[in-house]
Amino acid sequence: MNPKIWPQGVAGGNSHDHAGGDGAQIDHTTLSNIGSDTHTTIDSHIDDATLHFTRISTFQAATALTGSFAGFTTTETITANIASAGSNNPVIRAIRAWISNDPGADQNINFRLSLYNSDSMTEDELMADFFFNLTYTEVKTAEWAASGTGGDVDSTAGLVKYDLVRLMGGTAENVRISAVTDSDTLAVSTLVGAHAVDSGVVRIAEISGNIQLLDADGTSEIHAKLETLSAPNASMNVAIAIDVQ
């Protein structure tokens, strides 16, 4: 014979306030035996529309680090240990690299940038690598005027719309290419200063993301290697800027 369950009544619109004896009743407002978070306390948290959270942590501003790879003359590798990473497991937010000297001739060079977990920088210690081209050309024909939007260069080879370029004449500044008009003309976002004929125009390689590194040496350094995959035709230096947290 199957047992039967007989429902008890509900009193006062309260689904916990069952008729049929005190043993079947739950009082919403006197649950003191379970601590301070009674139904009344919970209701008050909801009613006052206040966030009752403890702040665990906040994001800190990124630290800007710089380094350089000097003296490329052929297909070769140059290394750099970039100090002051702040910890032995920094997170990279952004990397920018560009040709930083005047090599005396136009360049359009392919590179590999690789990051390692120690200063021995062997491939079994590789943590991340990136491939990009860096371009050097120069203003030609006429000065690029302050408040202007570009002009002629020796060559636009290796440059495309939306590239970030650094103008090295006068007070150096970074602008975005808005159009590659033809083989020797660039349109860019509005300039601040003027840039004379024969001053450098260089492409900035931009890398972004959350790149977790490890310094197994315990020296709070970023162990970087830059390799030319095509040969420059004159001595060339590359600057690097890294934002870390």
C-alpha atoms as a PDB file:
ATOM      1  CA  MET A   1       0.000   0.000   0.000  1.00  0.00           C
ATOM      2  CA  ASN A   2       1.438   3.357  -1.039  1.00  0.00           C
ATOM      3  CA  PRO A   3       1.745   5.951   1.732  1.00  0.00           C
ATOM      4  CA  LYS A   4      -0.120   9.192   1.279  1.00  0.00           C
ATOM      5  CA  ILE A   5       1.237  12.678   1.970  1.00  0.00           C
ATOM      6  CA  TRP A   6      -1.439  15.087   3.107  1.00  0.00           C
ATOM      7  CA  PRO A   7      -0.647  18.777   2.448  1.00  0.00           C
ATOM      8  CA  GLN A   8      -1.072  21.230   5.281  1.00  0.00           C
ATOM      9  CA  GLY A   9      -2.550  24.675   4.770  1.00  0.00           C
ATOM     10  CA  VAL A  10      -0.603  27.859   4.141  1.00  0.00           C
ATOM     11  CA  ALA A  11      -1.332  30.717   6.523  1.00  0.00           C
ATOM     12  CA  GLY A  12      -0.984  34.436   5.884  1.00  0.00           C
ATOM     13  CA  GLY A  13       0.377  34.101   2.351  1.00  0.00           C
ATOM     14  CA  ASN A  14       3.668  32.841   3.774  1.00  0.00           C
ATOM     15  CA  SER A  15       4.822  29.592   2.207  1.00  0.00           C
ATOM     16  CA  HIS A  16       6.921  28.822   5.271  1.00  0.00           C
ATOM     17  CA  ASP A  17       4.131  29.576   7.779  1.00  0.00           C
ATOM     18  CA  HIS A  18       2.427  26.186   7.562  1.00  0.00           C
ATOM     19  CA  ALA A  19      -0.655  25.363   9.567  1.00  0.00           C
ATOM     20  CA  GLY A  20      -0.438  22.197  11.602  1.00  0.00           C
ATOM     21  CA  GLY A  21       1.799  22.988  14.508  1.00  0.00           C
ATOM     22  CA  ASP A  22       4.886  24.938  15.429  1.00  0.00           C
ATOM     23  CA  GLY A  23       7.144  22.209  14.103  1.00  0.00           C
ATOM     24  CA  ALA A  24       6.089  23.076  10.571  1.00  0.00           C
ATOM     25  CA  GLN A  25       6.663  26.834  10.889  1.00  0.00           C
ATOM     26  CA  ILE A  26       9.669  28.973   9.963  1.00  0.00           C
ATOM     27  CA  ASP A  27       9.894  32.551  11.215  1.00  0.00           C
ATOM     28  CA  HIS A  28      11.629  34.836   8.676  1.00  0.00           C
ATOM     29  CA  THR A  29      12.710  37.440  11.192  1.00  0.00           C
ATOM     30  CA  THR A  30      14.041  35.491  14.180  1.00  0.00           C
ATOM     31  CA  LEU A  31      16.660  33.156  12.732  1.00  0.00           C
ATOM     32  CA  SER A  32      19.252  34.466  15.184  1.00  0.00           C
ATOM     33  CA  ASN A  33      20.761  31.046  15.658  1.00  0.00           C
ATOM     34  CA  ILE A  34      22.353  31.137  12.185  1.00  0.00           C
ATOM     35  CA  GLY A  35      24.154  34.453  12.568  1.00  0.00           C
ATOM     36  CA  SER A  36      23.543  37.966  11.326  1.00  0.00           C
ATOM     37  CA  ASP A  37      22.472  37.140   7.771  1.00  0.00           C
ATOM     38  CA  THR A  38      18.801  36.493   8.589  1.00  0.00           C
ATOM     39  CA  HIS A  39      16.092  36.994   6.010  1.00  0.00           C
ATOM     40  CA  THR A  40      15.554  40.499   7.390  1.00  0.00           C
ATOM     41  CA  THR A  41      19.240  41.384   6.917  1.00  0.00           C
ATOM     42  CA  ILE A  42      19.299  39.933   3.406  1.00  0.00           C
ATOM     43  CA  ASP A  43      16.146  41.859   2.490  1.00  0.00           C
ATOM     44  CA  SER A  44      17.730  45.093   3.722  1.00  0.00           C
ATOM     45  CA  HIS A  45      20.820  44.505   1.566  1.00  0.00           C
ATOM     46  CA  ILE A  46      18.597  44.137  -1.477  1.00  0.00           C
ATOM     47  CA  ASP A  47      16.378  47.096  -0.606  1.00  0.00           C
ATOM     48  CA  ASP A  48      19.178  49.639  -0.091  1.00  0.00           C
ATOM     49  CA  ALA A  49      20.547  48.910  -3.600  1.00  0.00           C
ATOM     50  CA  THR A  50      24.131  49.088  -2.282  1.00  0.00           C
ATOM     51  CA  LEU A  51      26.895  46.771  -3.464  1.00  0.00           C
ATOM     52  CA  HIS A  52      28.181  44.882  -0.429  1.00  0.00           C
ATOM     53  CA  PHE A  53      31.502  43.726  -1.873  1.00  0.00           C
ATOM     54  CA  THR A  54      35.013  43.942  -0.487  1.00  0.00           C
ATOM     55  CA  ARG A  55      37.580  45.204  -2.989  1.00  0.00           C
ATOM     56  CA  ILE A  56      40.033  42.413  -3.632  1.00  0.00           C
ATOM     57  CA  SER A  57      42.457  44.155  -5.969  1.00  0.00           C
ATOM     58  CA  THR A  58      42.802  46.960  -8.489  1.00  0.00           C
ATOM     59  CA  PHE A  59      44.618  47.156 -11.818  1.00  0.00           C
ATOM     60  CA  GLN A  60      47.839  49.105 -11.649  1.00  0.00           C
ATOM     61  CA  ALA A  61      49.109  51.390 -14.390  1.00  0.00           C
ATOM     62  CA  ALA A  62      51.499  49.728 -16.818  1.00  0.00           C
ATOM     63  CA  THR A  63      55.234  50.384 -16.489  1.00  0.00           C
ATOM     64  CA  ALA A  64      56.991  51.529 -19.673  1.00  0.00           C
ATOM     65  CA  LEU A  65      60.339  49.824 -20.336  1.00  0.00           C
ATOM     66  CA  THR A  66      62.763  50.532 -23.176  1.00  0.00           C
ATOM     67  CA  GLY A  67      65.632  48.709 -24.815  1.00  0.00           C
ATOM     68  CA  SER A  68      67.674  48.719 -28.003  1.00  0.00           C
ATOM     69  CA  PHE A  69      69.228  46.349 -30.515  1.00  0.00           C
ATOM     70  CA  ALA A  70      72.134  48.168 -32.170  1.00  0.00           C
ATOM     71  CA  GLY A  71      74.268  47.510 -35.232  1.00  0.00           C
ATOM     72  CA  PHE A  72      72.363  45.226 -37.627  1.00  0.00           C
ATOM     73  CA  THR A  73      74.352  44.934 -40.876  1.00  0.00           C
ATOM     74  CA  THR A  74      73.279  41.534 -42.221  1.00  0.00           C
ATOM     75  CA  THR A  75      70.943  38.648 -41.348  1.00  0.00           C
ATOM     76  CA  GLU A  76      71.889  38.205 -37.699  1.00  0.00           C
ATOM     77  CA  THR A  77      70.632  38.049 -34.129  1.00  0.00           C
ATOM     78  CA  ILE A  78      71.103  40.624 -31.365  1.00  0.00           C
ATOM     79  CA  THR A  79      69.952  40.081 -27.773  1.00  0.00           C
ATOM     80  CA  ALA A  80      68.899  42.391 -24.953  1.00  0.00           C
ATOM     81  CA  ASN A  81      68.049  41.840 -21.284  1.00  0.00           C
ATOM     82  CA  ILE A  82      65.523  44.550 -20.470  1.00  0.00           C
ATOM     83  CA  ALA A  83      65.674  45.388 -16.771  1.00  0.00           C
ATOM     84  CA  SER A  84      63.124  46.590 -14.213  1.00  0.00           C
ATOM     85  CA  ALA A  85      60.270  44.329 -15.281  1.00  0.00           C
ATOM     86  CA  GLY A  86      58.969  44.632 -11.699  1.00  0.00           C
ATOM     87  CA  SER A  87      58.701  40.902 -11.038  1.00  0.00           C
ATOM     88  CA  ASN A  88      59.893  37.550 -12.322  1.00  0.00           C
ATOM     89  CA  ASN A  89      56.539  36.834 -13.998  1.00  0.00           C
ATOM     90  CA  PRO A  90      55.542  40.102 -15.706  1.00  0.00           C
ATOM     91  CA  VAL A  91      52.553  40.441 -18.014  1.00  0.00           C
ATOM     92  CA  ILE A  92      53.260  42.362 -21.211  1.00  0.00           C
ATOM     93  CA  ARG A  93      50.410  44.615 -22.370  1.00  0.00           C
ATOM     94  CA  ALA A  94      52.036  46.134 -25.469  1.00  0.00           C
ATOM     95  CA  ILE A  95      55.245  46.071 -27.507  1.00  0.00           C
ATOM     96  CA  ARG A  96      56.399  48.658 -30.042  1.00  0.00           C
ATOM     97  CA  ALA A  97      59.548  48.435 -32.179  1.00  0.00           C
ATOM     98  CA  TRP A  98      61.032  50.761 -34.812  1.00  0.00           C
ATOM     99  CA  ILE A  99      64.259  51.646 -36.618  1.00  0.00           C
ATOM    100  CA  SER A 100      65.777  54.345 -34.432  1.00  0.00           C
ATOM    101  CA  ASN A 101      68.762  55.661 -36.412  1.00  0.00           C
ATOM    102  CA  ASP A 102      69.314  57.092 -39.898  1.00  0.00           C
ATOM    103  CA  PRO A 103      70.829  54.190 -41.841  1.00  0.00           C
ATOM    104  CA  GLY A 104      71.390  56.459 -44.840  1.00  0.00           C
ATOM    105  CA  ALA A 105      69.265  54.353 -47.180  1.00  0.00           C
ATOM    106  CA  ASP A 106      65.704  53.085 -47.369  1.00  0.00           C
ATOM    107  CA  GLN A 107      65.037  49.826 -45.514  1.00  0.00           C
ATOM    108  CA  ASN A 108      62.193  47.291 -45.496  1.00  0.00           C
ATOM    109  CA  ILE A 109      63.366  44.438 -43.283  1.00  0.00           C
ATOM    110  CA  ASN A 110      61.607  41.352 -41.896  1.00  0.00           C
ATOM    111  CA  PHE A 111      62.225  40.558 -38.230  1.00  0.00           C
ATOM    112  CA  ARG A 112      61.560  37.906 -35.618  1.00  0.00           C
ATOM    113  CA  LEU A 113      61.268  39.104 -32.006  1.00  0.00           C
ATOM    114  CA  SER A 114      61.462  36.258 -29.479  1.00  0.00           C
ATOM    115  CA  LEU A 115      61.121  36.269 -25.674  1.00  0.00           C
ATOM    116  CA  TYR A 116      62.698  33.683 -23.356  1.00  0.00           C
ATOM    117  CA  ASN A 117      62.671  32.645 -19.713  1.00  0.00           C
ATOM    118  CA  SER A 118      66.423  33.126 -19.101  1.00  0.00           C
ATOM    119  CA  ASP A 119      69.348  35.083 -20.490  1.00  0.00           C
ATOM    120  CA  SER A 120      70.740  32.011 -22.249  1.00  0.00           C
ATOM    121  CA  MET A 121      67.845  32.473 -24.723  1.00  0.00           C
ATOM    122  CA  THR A 122      67.931  28.982 -26.210  1.00  0.00           C
ATOM    123  CA  GLU A 123      64.941  27.872 -28.264  1.00  0.00           C
ATOM    124  CA  ASP A 124      63.829  25.344 -25.647  1.00  0.00           C
ATOM    125  CA  GLU A 125      63.282  28.356 -23.339  1.00  0.00           C
ATOM    126  CA  LEU A 126      61.107  30.236 -25.844  1.00  0.00           C
ATOM    127  CA  MET A 127      57.958  31.758 -24.331  1.00  0.00           C
ATOM    128  CA  ALA A 128      56.626  33.886 -27.219  1.00  0.00           C
ATOM    129  CA  ASP A 129      57.689  35.121 -30.632  1.00  0.00           C
ATOM    130  CA  PHE A 130      56.419  37.624 -33.188  1.00  0.00           C
ATOM    131  CA  PHE A 131      57.142  38.408 -36.839  1.00  0.00           C
ATOM    132  CA  PHE A 132      56.927  41.841 -38.474  1.00  0.00           C
ATOM    133  CA  ASN A 133      58.576  44.187 -40.955  1.00  0.00           C
ATOM    134  CA  LEU A 134      60.208  47.514 -40.154  1.00  0.00           C
ATOM    135  CA  THR A 135      60.540  50.231 -42.770  1.00  0.00           C
ATOM    136  CA  TYR A 136      62.768  53.284 -43.046  1.00  0.00           C
ATOM    137  CA  THR A 137      62.248  55.959 -45.696  1.00  0.00           C
ATOM    138  CA  GLU A 138      62.668  59.734 -45.843  1.00  0.00           C
ATOM    139  CA  VAL A 139      60.675  62.865 -46.609  1.00  0.00           C
ATOM    140  CA  LYS A 140      61.441  64.082 -50.128  1.00  0.00           C
ATOM    141  CA  THR A 141      60.608  66.969 -52.481  1.00  0.00           C
ATOM    142  CA  ALA A 142      59.196  69.340 -49.847  1.00  0.00           C
ATOM    143  CA  GLU A 143      58.939  69.709 -46.084  1.00  0.00           C
ATOM    144  CA  TRP A 144      55.916  68.182 -44.400  1.00  0.00           C
ATOM    145  CA  ALA A 145      54.321  71.242 -42.831  1.00  0.00           C
ATOM    146  CA  ALA A 146      53.072  71.573 -39.272  1.00  0.00           C
ATOM    147  CA  SER A 147      49.305  70.878 -39.151  1.00  0.00           C
ATOM    148  CA  GLY A 148      49.657  69.166 -42.531  1.00  0.00           C
ATOM    149  CA  THR A 149      48.561  65.665 -43.477  1.00  0.00           C
ATOM    150  CA  GLY A 150      51.546  64.108 -45.207  1.00  0.00           C
ATOM    151  CA  GLY A 151      53.456  64.389 -48.452  1.00  0.00           C
ATOM    152  CA  ASP A 152      56.116  62.694 -50.526  1.00  0.00           C
ATOM    153  CA  VAL A 153      58.611  60.078 -49.330  1.00  0.00           C
ATOM    154  CA  ASP A 154      61.367  58.183 -51.118  1.00  0.00           C
ATOM    155  CA  SER A 155      59.286  54.997 -51.166  1.00  0.00           C
ATOM    156  CA  THR A 156      56.106  53.633 -49.612  1.00  0.00           C
ATOM    157  CA  ALA A 157      57.318  50.013 -49.864  1.00  0.00           C
ATOM    158  CA  GLY A 158      56.366  48.088 -46.728  1.00  0.00           C
ATOM    159  CA  LEU A 159      53.817  50.695 -45.582  1.00  0.00           C
ATOM    160  CA  VAL A 160      50.031  50.262 -45.601  1.00  0.00           C
ATOM    161  CA  LYS A 161      46.960  52.147 -44.442  1.00  0.00           C
ATOM    162  CA  TYR A 162      46.590  52.265 -40.620  1.00  0.00           C
ATOM    163  CA  ASP A 163      50.295  51.680 -39.979  1.00  0.00           C
ATOM    164  CA  LEU A 164      51.723  53.785 -37.167  1.00  0.00           C
ATOM    165  CA  VAL A 165      54.787  55.719 -38.345  1.00  0.00           C
ATOM    166  CA  ARG A 166      57.320  57.819 -36.479  1.00  0.00           C
ATOM    167  CA  LEU A 167      58.480  61.063 -38.081  1.00  0.00           C
ATOM    168  CA  MET A 168      62.032  61.709 -36.919  1.00  0.00           C
ATOM    169  CA  GLY A 169      62.640  65.249 -38.149  1.00  0.00           C
ATOM    170  CA  GLY A 170      62.299  68.281 -35.863  1.00  0.00           C
ATOM    171  CA  THR A 171      60.396  67.132 -32.789  1.00  0.00           C
ATOM    172  CA  ALA A 172      59.716  63.437 -33.378  1.00  0.00           C
ATOM    173  CA  GLU A 173      56.060  62.400 -33.391  1.00  0.00           C
ATOM    174  CA  ASN A 174      53.935  59.353 -34.166  1.00  0.00           C
ATOM    175  CA  VAL A 175      51.061  59.520 -36.658  1.00  0.00           C
ATOM    176  CA  ARG A 176      48.754  57.003 -38.316  1.00  0.00           C
ATOM    177  CA  ILE A 177      48.764  56.469 -42.098  1.00  0.00           C
ATOM    178  CA  SER A 178      45.331  57.281 -43.522  1.00  0.00           C
ATOM    179  CA  ALA A 179      46.193  56.386 -47.127  1.00  0.00           C
ATOM    180  CA  VAL A 180      49.089  55.175 -49.272  1.00  0.00           C
ATOM    181  CA  THR A 181      48.358  57.392 -52.255  1.00  0.00           C
ATOM    182  CA  ASP A 182      51.004  55.968 -54.597  1.00  0.00           C
ATOM    183  CA  SER A 183      54.548  54.598 -54.580  1.00  0.00           C
ATOM    184  CA  ASP A 184      55.985  57.764 -53.035  1.00  0.00           C
ATOM    185  CA  THR A 185      53.123  59.630 -51.316  1.00  0.00           C
ATOM    186  CA  LEU A 186      51.583  59.160 -47.874  1.00  0.00           C
ATOM    187  CA  ALA A 187      48.549  60.733 -46.227  1.00  0.00           C
ATOM    188  CA  VAL A 188      48.668  60.743 -42.434  1.00  0.00           C
ATOM    189  CA  SER A 189      46.725  62.046 -39.446  1.00  0.00           C
ATOM    190  CA  THR A 190      47.273  65.740 -38.721  1.00  0.00           C
ATOM    191  CA  LEU A 191      50.858  66.615 -37.837  1.00  0.00           C
ATOM    192  CA  VAL A 192      51.892  68.686 -34.853  1.00  0.00           C
ATOM    193  CA  GLY A 193      55.291  69.873 -36.106  1.00  0.00           C
ATOM    194  CA  ALA A 194      57.157  70.260 -39.384  1.00  0.00           C
ATOM    195  CA  HIS A 195      59.474  67.589 -40.821  1.00  0.00           C
ATOM    196  CA  ALA A 196      62.233  68.570 -43.225  1.00  0.00           C
ATOM    197  CA  VAL A 197      63.327  66.936 -46.456  1.00  0.00           C
ATOM    198  CA  ASP A 198      65.589  63.912 -45.808  1.00  0.00           C
ATOM    199  CA  SER A 199      64.240  63.379 -42.272  1.00  0.00           C
ATOM    200  CA  GLY A 200      63.295  59.814 -41.429  1.00  0.00           C
ATOM    201  CA  VAL A 201      59.855  58.180 -41.625  1.00  0.00           C
ATOM    202  CA  VAL A 202      59.794  54.772 -39.911  1.00  0.00           C
ATOM    203  CA  ARG A 203      57.129  52.131 -39.420  1.00  0.00           C
ATOM    204  CA  ILE A 204      56.369  51.163 -35.802  1.00  0.00           C
ATOM    205  CA  ALA A 205      55.507  47.495 -35.287  1.00  0.00           C
ATOM    206  CA  GLU A 206      52.681  47.209 -32.733  1.00  0.00           C
ATOM    207  CA  ILE A 207      51.957  44.092 -30.665  1.00  0.00           C
ATOM    208  CA  SER A 208      49.247  43.990 -28.007  1.00  0.00           C
ATOM    209  CA  GLY A 209      47.688  41.425 -25.682  1.00  0.00           C
ATOM    210  CA  ASN A 210      48.284  39.753 -22.335  1.00  0.00           C
ATOM    211  CA  ILE A 211      51.617  37.972 -22.690  1.00  0.00           C
ATOM    212  CA  GLN A 212      52.630  36.152 -19.512  1.00  0.00           C
ATOM    213  CA  LEU A 213      56.392  35.767 -19.093  1.00  0.00           C
ATOM    214  CA  LEU A 214      58.684  34.082 -16.582  1.00  0.00           C
ATOM    215  CA  ASP A 215      62.230  35.037 -15.616  1.00  0.00           C
ATOM    216  CA  ALA A 216      63.728  31.777 -14.377  1.00  0.00           C
ATOM    217  CA  ASP A 217      66.942  33.642 -13.511  1.00  0.00           C
ATOM    218  CA  GLY A 218      65.108  35.610 -10.820  1.00  0.00           C
ATOM    219  CA  THR A 219      66.475  38.951 -12.069  1.00  0.00           C
ATOM    220  CA  SER A 220      63.183  40.684 -13.031  1.00  0.00           C
ATOM    221  CA  GLU A 221      64.327  41.029 -16.639  1.00  0.00           C
ATOM    222  CA  ILE A 222      62.712  40.464 -20.012  1.00  0.00           C
ATOM    223  CA  HIS A 223      65.061  38.329 -22.111  1.00  0.00           C
ATOM    224  CA  ALA A 224      64.611  39.397 -25.743  1.00  0.00           C
ATOM    225  CA  LYS A 225      66.202  38.430 -29.033  1.00  0.00           C
ATOM    226  CA  LEU A 226      65.723  40.285 -32.336  1.00  0.00           C
ATOM    227  CA  GLU A 227      66.695  38.612 -35.610  1.00  0.00           C
ATOM    228  CA  THR A 228      66.842  40.129 -39.095  1.00  0.00           C
ATOM    229  CA  LEU A 229      65.257  37.655 -41.523  1.00  0.00           C
ATOM    230  CA  SER A 230      66.272  39.806 -44.490  1.00  0.00           C
ATOM    231  CA  ALA A 231      69.503  41.779 -44.707  1.00  0.00           C
ATOM    232  CA  PRO A 232      69.674  45.568 -44.309  1.00  0.00           C
ATOM    233  CA  ASN A 233      71.818  47.471 -46.802  1.00  0.00           C
ATOM    234  CA  ALA A 234      73.313  49.754 -44.123  1.00  0.00           C
ATOM    235  CA  SER A 235      73.950  49.659 -40.367  1.00  0.00           C
ATOM    236  CA  MET A 236      70.644  49.831 -38.544  1.00  0.00           C
ATOM    237  CA  ASN A 237      69.479  50.141 -34.915  1.00  0.00           C
ATOM    238  CA  VAL A 238      66.097  49.109 -33.529  1.00  0.00           C
ATOM    239  CA  ALA A 239      64.436  50.571 -30.430  1.00  0.00           C
ATOM    240  CA  ILE A 240      61.846  48.671 -28.416  1.00  0.00           C
ATOM    241  CA  ALA A 241      59.275  49.893 -25.890  1.00  0.00           C
ATOM    242  CA  ILE A 242      57.392  47.421 -23.667  1.00  0.00           C
ATOM    243  CA  ASP A 243      54.464  48.110 -21.332  1.00  0.00           C
ATOM    244  CA  VAL A 244      54.324  45.618 -18.440  1.00  0.00           C
ATOM    245  CA  GLN A 245      52.195  45.023 -15.344  1.00  0.00           C
END
